[in-house]
Amino acid sequence: MNEEARITESKAPAEQSDQPAAVSFFRRYGLLFLVAGITLIADIVTKRVVEAQIPLYTSIPFIDPYLSWTHTQNTGAAFSLFQNGGVFFIIVAVVVSAVILYYTPRLPEGDWLSRVALGLQLGGAIGNLLDRLRQGYVTDFIHFQIPQIGFDWPVFNIADSAIVVGVIMLIVASLLRDNKA
């Protein structure tokens, strides 16, 4: 076997492509980073507006009485679960982000649904991580309730929503993959 053949065989499939490295990187990570970036920007902007415009623990009706903007501080996980988790949730966010970055290029090329789902999760994880690092808690403000039946959902934010929607989308993508197989 000549030297050129040995080099070609030892390359990973992504390296054997005739595509430039930038194109290969974009195909693997582009949609993920686009969705994560949009999610992160939406999360940061909405939280900063709430922090600047709504006094802490104050509620402003939006669709009265079902939806209001309620400025709270959350030291727990999504939807105010597991309060005072601080360092634990920082570690979880970093690990989840690393797993997403590791797993994404291993998805089939046409699996855009999983890339969008992972992008939502990555953007949400980073959004809440930045809050925890910046201020030691996460700013929450979306408050959904149905008073007629006594339903009062914990206050949450854009990042929490993105993470949950991303998980649901990953489940759907997995079911669709299983049905194709």
C-alpha atoms as a PDB file:
ATOM      1  CA  MET A   1       0.000   0.000   0.000  1.00  0.00           C
ATOM      2  CA  ASN A   2       1.431   3.375  -0.928  1.00  0.00           C
ATOM      3  CA  GLU A   3       1.729   6.344   1.470  1.00  0.00           C
ATOM      4  CA  GLU A   4      -1.190   8.288  -0.060  1.00  0.00           C
ATOM      5  CA  ALA A   5      -3.603   5.350   0.338  1.00  0.00           C
ATOM      6  CA  ARG A   6      -2.617   4.882   4.006  1.00  0.00           C
ATOM      7  CA  ILE A   7      -3.199   8.577   4.749  1.00  0.00           C
ATOM      8  CA  THR A   8      -6.645   8.507   3.059  1.00  0.00           C
ATOM      9  CA  GLU A   9      -7.701   5.394   4.998  1.00  0.00           C
ATOM     10  CA  SER A  10      -6.641   6.883   8.337  1.00  0.00           C
ATOM     11  CA  LYS A  11      -8.694  10.047   7.928  1.00  0.00           C
ATOM     12  CA  ALA A  12     -12.077  10.319   9.603  1.00  0.00           C
ATOM     13  CA  PRO A  13     -15.090  10.436   7.245  1.00  0.00           C
ATOM     14  CA  ALA A  14     -15.510  14.207   7.748  1.00  0.00           C
ATOM     15  CA  GLU A  15     -11.856  14.761   6.790  1.00  0.00           C
ATOM     16  CA  GLN A  16     -12.159  12.665   3.609  1.00  0.00           C
ATOM     17  CA  SER A  17     -14.713  15.071   2.178  1.00  0.00           C
ATOM     18  CA  ASP A  18     -13.710  17.361  -0.666  1.00  0.00           C
ATOM     19  CA  GLN A  19     -15.424  20.236   1.172  1.00  0.00           C
ATOM     20  CA  PRO A  20     -13.384  23.000   2.759  1.00  0.00           C
ATOM     21  CA  ALA A  21     -13.194  22.793   6.554  1.00  0.00           C
ATOM     22  CA  ALA A  22     -15.421  25.877   6.983  1.00  0.00           C
ATOM     23  CA  VAL A  23     -18.217  24.316   4.905  1.00  0.00           C
ATOM     24  CA  SER A  24     -17.947  21.054   6.830  1.00  0.00           C
ATOM     25  CA  PHE A  25     -18.054  22.954  10.158  1.00  0.00           C
ATOM     26  CA  PHE A  26     -21.091  24.963   9.038  1.00  0.00           C
ATOM     27  CA  ARG A  27     -22.948  21.839   7.898  1.00  0.00           C
ATOM     28  CA  ARG A  28     -22.350  20.204  11.267  1.00  0.00           C
ATOM     29  CA  TYR A  29     -22.838  23.186  13.592  1.00  0.00           C
ATOM     30  CA  GLY A  30     -24.435  26.047  11.625  1.00  0.00           C
ATOM     31  CA  LEU A  31     -28.095  25.422  12.446  1.00  0.00           C
ATOM     32  CA  LEU A  32     -27.253  24.558  16.050  1.00  0.00           C
ATOM     33  CA  PHE A  33     -25.376  27.836  16.572  1.00  0.00           C
ATOM     34  CA  LEU A  34     -27.998  29.899  14.722  1.00  0.00           C
ATOM     35  CA  VAL A  35     -30.851  28.575  16.882  1.00  0.00           C
ATOM     36  CA  ALA A  36     -28.761  28.773  20.073  1.00  0.00           C
ATOM     37  CA  GLY A  37     -27.753  32.364  19.260  1.00  0.00           C
ATOM     38  CA  ILE A  38     -31.318  33.517  18.583  1.00  0.00           C
ATOM     39  CA  THR A  39     -32.510  31.791  21.753  1.00  0.00           C
ATOM     40  CA  LEU A  40     -29.708  33.302  23.815  1.00  0.00           C
ATOM     41  CA  ILE A  41     -30.293  36.831  22.498  1.00  0.00           C
ATOM     42  CA  ALA A  42     -34.059  36.584  23.109  1.00  0.00           C
ATOM     43  CA  ASP A  43     -33.421  35.298  26.625  1.00  0.00           C
ATOM     44  CA  ILE A  44     -30.863  37.963  27.543  1.00  0.00           C
ATOM     45  CA  VAL A  45     -32.879  40.863  26.100  1.00  0.00           C
ATOM     46  CA  THR A  46     -36.140  39.843  27.778  1.00  0.00           C
ATOM     47  CA  LYS A  47     -34.474  39.308  31.151  1.00  0.00           C
ATOM     48  CA  ARG A  48     -32.689  42.665  31.043  1.00  0.00           C
ATOM     49  CA  VAL A  49     -35.919  44.466  30.073  1.00  0.00           C
ATOM     50  CA  VAL A  50     -37.740  42.804  32.973  1.00  0.00           C
ATOM     51  CA  GLU A  51     -34.915  43.663  35.401  1.00  0.00           C
ATOM     52  CA  ALA A  52     -34.952  47.295  34.278  1.00  0.00           C
ATOM     53  CA  GLN A  53     -38.700  47.829  33.975  1.00  0.00           C
ATOM     54  CA  ILE A  54     -40.481  45.617  36.517  1.00  0.00           C
ATOM     55  CA  PRO A  55     -39.660  45.905  40.224  1.00  0.00           C
ATOM     56  CA  LEU A  56     -38.695  42.616  41.880  1.00  0.00           C
ATOM     57  CA  TYR A  57     -41.718  40.514  42.942  1.00  0.00           C
ATOM     58  CA  THR A  58     -44.078  42.793  41.040  1.00  0.00           C
ATOM     59  CA  SER A  59     -46.565  41.437  38.527  1.00  0.00           C
ATOM     60  CA  ILE A  60     -47.956  43.174  35.447  1.00  0.00           C
ATOM     61  CA  PRO A  61     -51.005  41.549  33.812  1.00  0.00           C
ATOM     62  CA  PHE A  62     -50.530  40.749  30.124  1.00  0.00           C
ATOM     63  CA  ILE A  63     -53.535  38.564  29.333  1.00  0.00           C
ATOM     64  CA  ASP A  64     -55.427  39.033  32.559  1.00  0.00           C
ATOM     65  CA  PRO A  65     -55.873  36.798  34.552  1.00  0.00           C
ATOM     66  CA  TYR A  66     -54.011  34.030  32.666  1.00  0.00           C
ATOM     67  CA  LEU A  67     -50.643  35.468  31.751  1.00  0.00           C
ATOM     68  CA  SER A  68     -48.597  38.109  33.526  1.00  0.00           C
ATOM     69  CA  TRP A  69     -45.029  39.336  33.669  1.00  0.00           C
ATOM     70  CA  THR A  70     -43.838  38.682  37.210  1.00  0.00           C
ATOM     71  CA  HIS A  71     -40.229  39.586  38.082  1.00  0.00           C
ATOM     72  CA  THR A  72     -38.705  36.896  40.302  1.00  0.00           C
ATOM     73  CA  GLN A  73     -35.266  35.526  41.129  1.00  0.00           C
ATOM     74  CA  ASN A  74     -34.733  31.778  40.881  1.00  0.00           C
ATOM     75  CA  THR A  75     -31.789  29.983  42.508  1.00  0.00           C
ATOM     76  CA  GLY A  76     -33.125  26.583  41.399  1.00  0.00           C
ATOM     77  CA  ALA A  77     -33.670  24.790  38.121  1.00  0.00           C
ATOM     78  CA  ALA A  78     -36.280  25.415  35.459  1.00  0.00           C
ATOM     79  CA  PHE A  79     -39.681  26.396  36.811  1.00  0.00           C
ATOM     80  CA  SER A  80     -38.213  27.091  40.290  1.00  0.00           C
ATOM     81  CA  LEU A  81     -37.489  23.426  41.036  1.00  0.00           C
ATOM     82  CA  PHE A  82     -34.661  22.463  43.418  1.00  0.00           C
ATOM     83  CA  GLN A  83     -33.974  25.867  44.959  1.00  0.00           C
ATOM     84  CA  ASN A  84     -30.448  26.883  46.014  1.00  0.00           C
ATOM     85  CA  GLY A  85     -28.696  24.513  43.584  1.00  0.00           C
ATOM     86  CA  GLY A  86     -26.147  27.198  42.580  1.00  0.00           C
ATOM     87  CA  VAL A  87     -22.854  25.493  41.744  1.00  0.00           C
ATOM     88  CA  PHE A  88     -24.592  22.214  40.863  1.00  0.00           C
ATOM     89  CA  PHE A  89     -26.649  23.921  38.135  1.00  0.00           C
ATOM     90  CA  ILE A  90     -23.582  25.698  36.782  1.00  0.00           C
ATOM     91  CA  ILE A  91     -21.832  22.336  36.436  1.00  0.00           C
ATOM     92  CA  VAL A  92     -24.922  20.758  34.842  1.00  0.00           C
ATOM     93  CA  ALA A  93     -25.172  23.605  32.285  1.00  0.00           C
ATOM     94  CA  VAL A  94     -21.504  23.245  31.325  1.00  0.00           C
ATOM     95  CA  VAL A  95     -21.768  19.442  31.004  1.00  0.00           C
ATOM     96  CA  VAL A  96     -25.012  19.625  28.987  1.00  0.00           C
ATOM     97  CA  SER A  97     -23.467  22.221  26.657  1.00  0.00           C
ATOM     98  CA  ALA A  98     -20.376  20.044  26.146  1.00  0.00           C
ATOM     99  CA  VAL A  99     -22.504  16.967  25.414  1.00  0.00           C
ATOM    100  CA  ILE A 100     -24.561  18.913  22.864  1.00  0.00           C
ATOM    101  CA  LEU A 101     -21.406  20.164  21.123  1.00  0.00           C
ATOM    102  CA  TYR A 102     -19.977  16.637  21.098  1.00  0.00           C
ATOM    103  CA  TYR A 103     -23.169  14.953  19.868  1.00  0.00           C
ATOM    104  CA  THR A 104     -24.257  17.419  17.159  1.00  0.00           C
ATOM    105  CA  PRO A 105     -21.713  16.520  14.440  1.00  0.00           C
ATOM    106  CA  ARG A 106     -22.622  12.858  14.901  1.00  0.00           C
ATOM    107  CA  LEU A 107     -26.229  13.447  13.841  1.00  0.00           C
ATOM    108  CA  PRO A 108     -27.244  12.378  10.350  1.00  0.00           C
ATOM    109  CA  GLU A 109     -26.722  15.241   7.900  1.00  0.00           C
ATOM    110  CA  GLY A 110     -30.439  15.740   7.179  1.00  0.00           C
ATOM    111  CA  ASP A 111     -31.576  15.639  10.819  1.00  0.00           C
ATOM    112  CA  TRP A 112     -32.389  19.343  11.103  1.00  0.00           C
ATOM    113  CA  LEU A 113     -35.111  18.739  13.726  1.00  0.00           C
ATOM    114  CA  SER A 114     -32.586  17.368  16.224  1.00  0.00           C
ATOM    115  CA  ARG A 115     -30.182  20.237  15.456  1.00  0.00           C
ATOM    116  CA  VAL A 116     -32.919  22.805  16.125  1.00  0.00           C
ATOM    117  CA  ALA A 117     -33.876  20.979  19.337  1.00  0.00           C
ATOM    118  CA  LEU A 118     -30.272  20.893  20.532  1.00  0.00           C
ATOM    119  CA  GLY A 119     -29.844  24.551  19.558  1.00  0.00           C
ATOM    120  CA  LEU A 120     -32.818  25.496  21.732  1.00  0.00           C
ATOM    121  CA  GLN A 121     -31.373  23.508  24.618  1.00  0.00           C
ATOM    122  CA  LEU A 122     -27.896  24.969  24.173  1.00  0.00           C
ATOM    123  CA  GLY A 123     -29.188  28.551  23.988  1.00  0.00           C
ATOM    124  CA  GLY A 124     -31.386  28.008  27.041  1.00  0.00           C
ATOM    125  CA  ALA A 125     -28.619  26.364  29.055  1.00  0.00           C
ATOM    126  CA  ILE A 126     -26.168  29.156  28.247  1.00  0.00           C
ATOM    127  CA  GLY A 127     -28.775  31.851  28.964  1.00  0.00           C
ATOM    128  CA  ASN A 128     -29.460  30.558  32.458  1.00  0.00           C
ATOM    129  CA  LEU A 129     -25.755  29.804  33.014  1.00  0.00           C
ATOM    130  CA  LEU A 130     -24.831  33.424  32.238  1.00  0.00           C
ATOM    131  CA  ASP A 131     -27.432  34.638  34.755  1.00  0.00           C
ATOM    132  CA  ARG A 132     -26.080  32.336  37.458  1.00  0.00           C
ATOM    133  CA  LEU A 133     -22.502  33.456  36.812  1.00  0.00           C
ATOM    134  CA  ARG A 134     -23.455  37.136  36.603  1.00  0.00           C
ATOM    135  CA  GLN A 135     -25.775  37.399  39.577  1.00  0.00           C
ATOM    136  CA  GLY A 136     -26.051  34.039  41.380  1.00  0.00           C
ATOM    137  CA  TYR A 137     -29.656  33.437  40.303  1.00  0.00           C
ATOM    138  CA  VAL A 138     -31.800  33.348  37.186  1.00  0.00           C
ATOM    139  CA  THR A 139     -34.308  36.058  36.353  1.00  0.00           C
ATOM    140  CA  ASP A 140     -37.768  34.578  35.715  1.00  0.00           C
ATOM    141  CA  PHE A 141     -40.802  36.532  34.567  1.00  0.00           C
ATOM    142  CA  ILE A 142     -43.401  34.531  32.592  1.00  0.00           C
ATOM    143  CA  HIS A 143     -46.276  33.597  34.896  1.00  0.00           C
ATOM    144  CA  PHE A 144     -49.071  31.403  33.547  1.00  0.00           C
ATOM    145  CA  GLN A 145     -52.147  30.573  35.589  1.00  0.00           C
ATOM    146  CA  ILE A 146     -55.785  29.547  35.275  1.00  0.00           C
ATOM    147  CA  PRO A 147     -57.430  30.866  38.443  1.00  0.00           C
ATOM    148  CA  GLN A 148     -60.802  29.273  37.672  1.00  0.00           C
ATOM    149  CA  ILE A 149     -59.339  25.807  38.317  1.00  0.00           C
ATOM    150  CA  GLY A 150     -56.588  26.794  40.761  1.00  0.00           C
ATOM    151  CA  PHE A 151     -53.757  26.196  38.265  1.00  0.00           C
ATOM    152  CA  ASP A 152     -50.657  28.312  38.941  1.00  0.00           C
ATOM    153  CA  TRP A 153     -47.529  27.339  36.965  1.00  0.00           C
ATOM    154  CA  PRO A 154     -44.173  28.365  38.463  1.00  0.00           C
ATOM    155  CA  VAL A 155     -42.690  31.545  36.964  1.00  0.00           C
ATOM    156  CA  PHE A 156     -40.199  30.820  34.158  1.00  0.00           C
ATOM    157  CA  ASN A 157     -38.245  32.512  31.355  1.00  0.00           C
ATOM    158  CA  ILE A 158     -37.364  32.156  27.664  1.00  0.00           C
ATOM    159  CA  ALA A 159     -34.388  29.873  28.421  1.00  0.00           C
ATOM    160  CA  ASP A 160     -36.553  27.473  30.445  1.00  0.00           C
ATOM    161  CA  SER A 161     -39.110  27.383  27.628  1.00  0.00           C
ATOM    162  CA  ALA A 162     -36.430  26.731  25.017  1.00  0.00           C
ATOM    163  CA  ILE A 163     -34.988  23.839  27.019  1.00  0.00           C
ATOM    164  CA  VAL A 164     -38.405  22.197  27.461  1.00  0.00           C
ATOM    165  CA  VAL A 165     -39.419  22.713  23.818  1.00  0.00           C
ATOM    166  CA  GLY A 166     -36.010  21.349  22.768  1.00  0.00           C
ATOM    167  CA  VAL A 167     -36.487  18.198  24.842  1.00  0.00           C
ATOM    168  CA  ILE A 168     -39.960  17.656  23.353  1.00  0.00           C
ATOM    169  CA  MET A 169     -38.560  18.161  19.840  1.00  0.00           C
ATOM    170  CA  LEU A 170     -35.770  15.637  20.510  1.00  0.00           C
ATOM    171  CA  ILE A 171     -38.341  13.075  21.601  1.00  0.00           C
ATOM    172  CA  VAL A 172     -40.367  13.723  18.437  1.00  0.00           C
ATOM    173  CA  ALA A 173     -37.223  13.479  16.274  1.00  0.00           C
ATOM    174  CA  SER A 174     -36.312  10.186  17.947  1.00  0.00           C
ATOM    175  CA  LEU A 175     -39.813   8.791  17.356  1.00  0.00           C
ATOM    176  CA  LEU A 176     -39.682   9.876  13.708  1.00  0.00           C
ATOM    177  CA  ARG A 177     -36.278   8.194  13.298  1.00  0.00           C
ATOM    178  CA  ASP A 178     -37.613   5.006  14.895  1.00  0.00           C
ATOM    179  CA  ASN A 179     -40.631   4.987  12.574  1.00  0.00           C
ATOM    180  CA  LYS A 180     -38.380   5.341   9.521  1.00  0.00           C
ATOM    181  CA  ALA A 181     -36.207   2.414  10.634  1.00  0.00           C
END
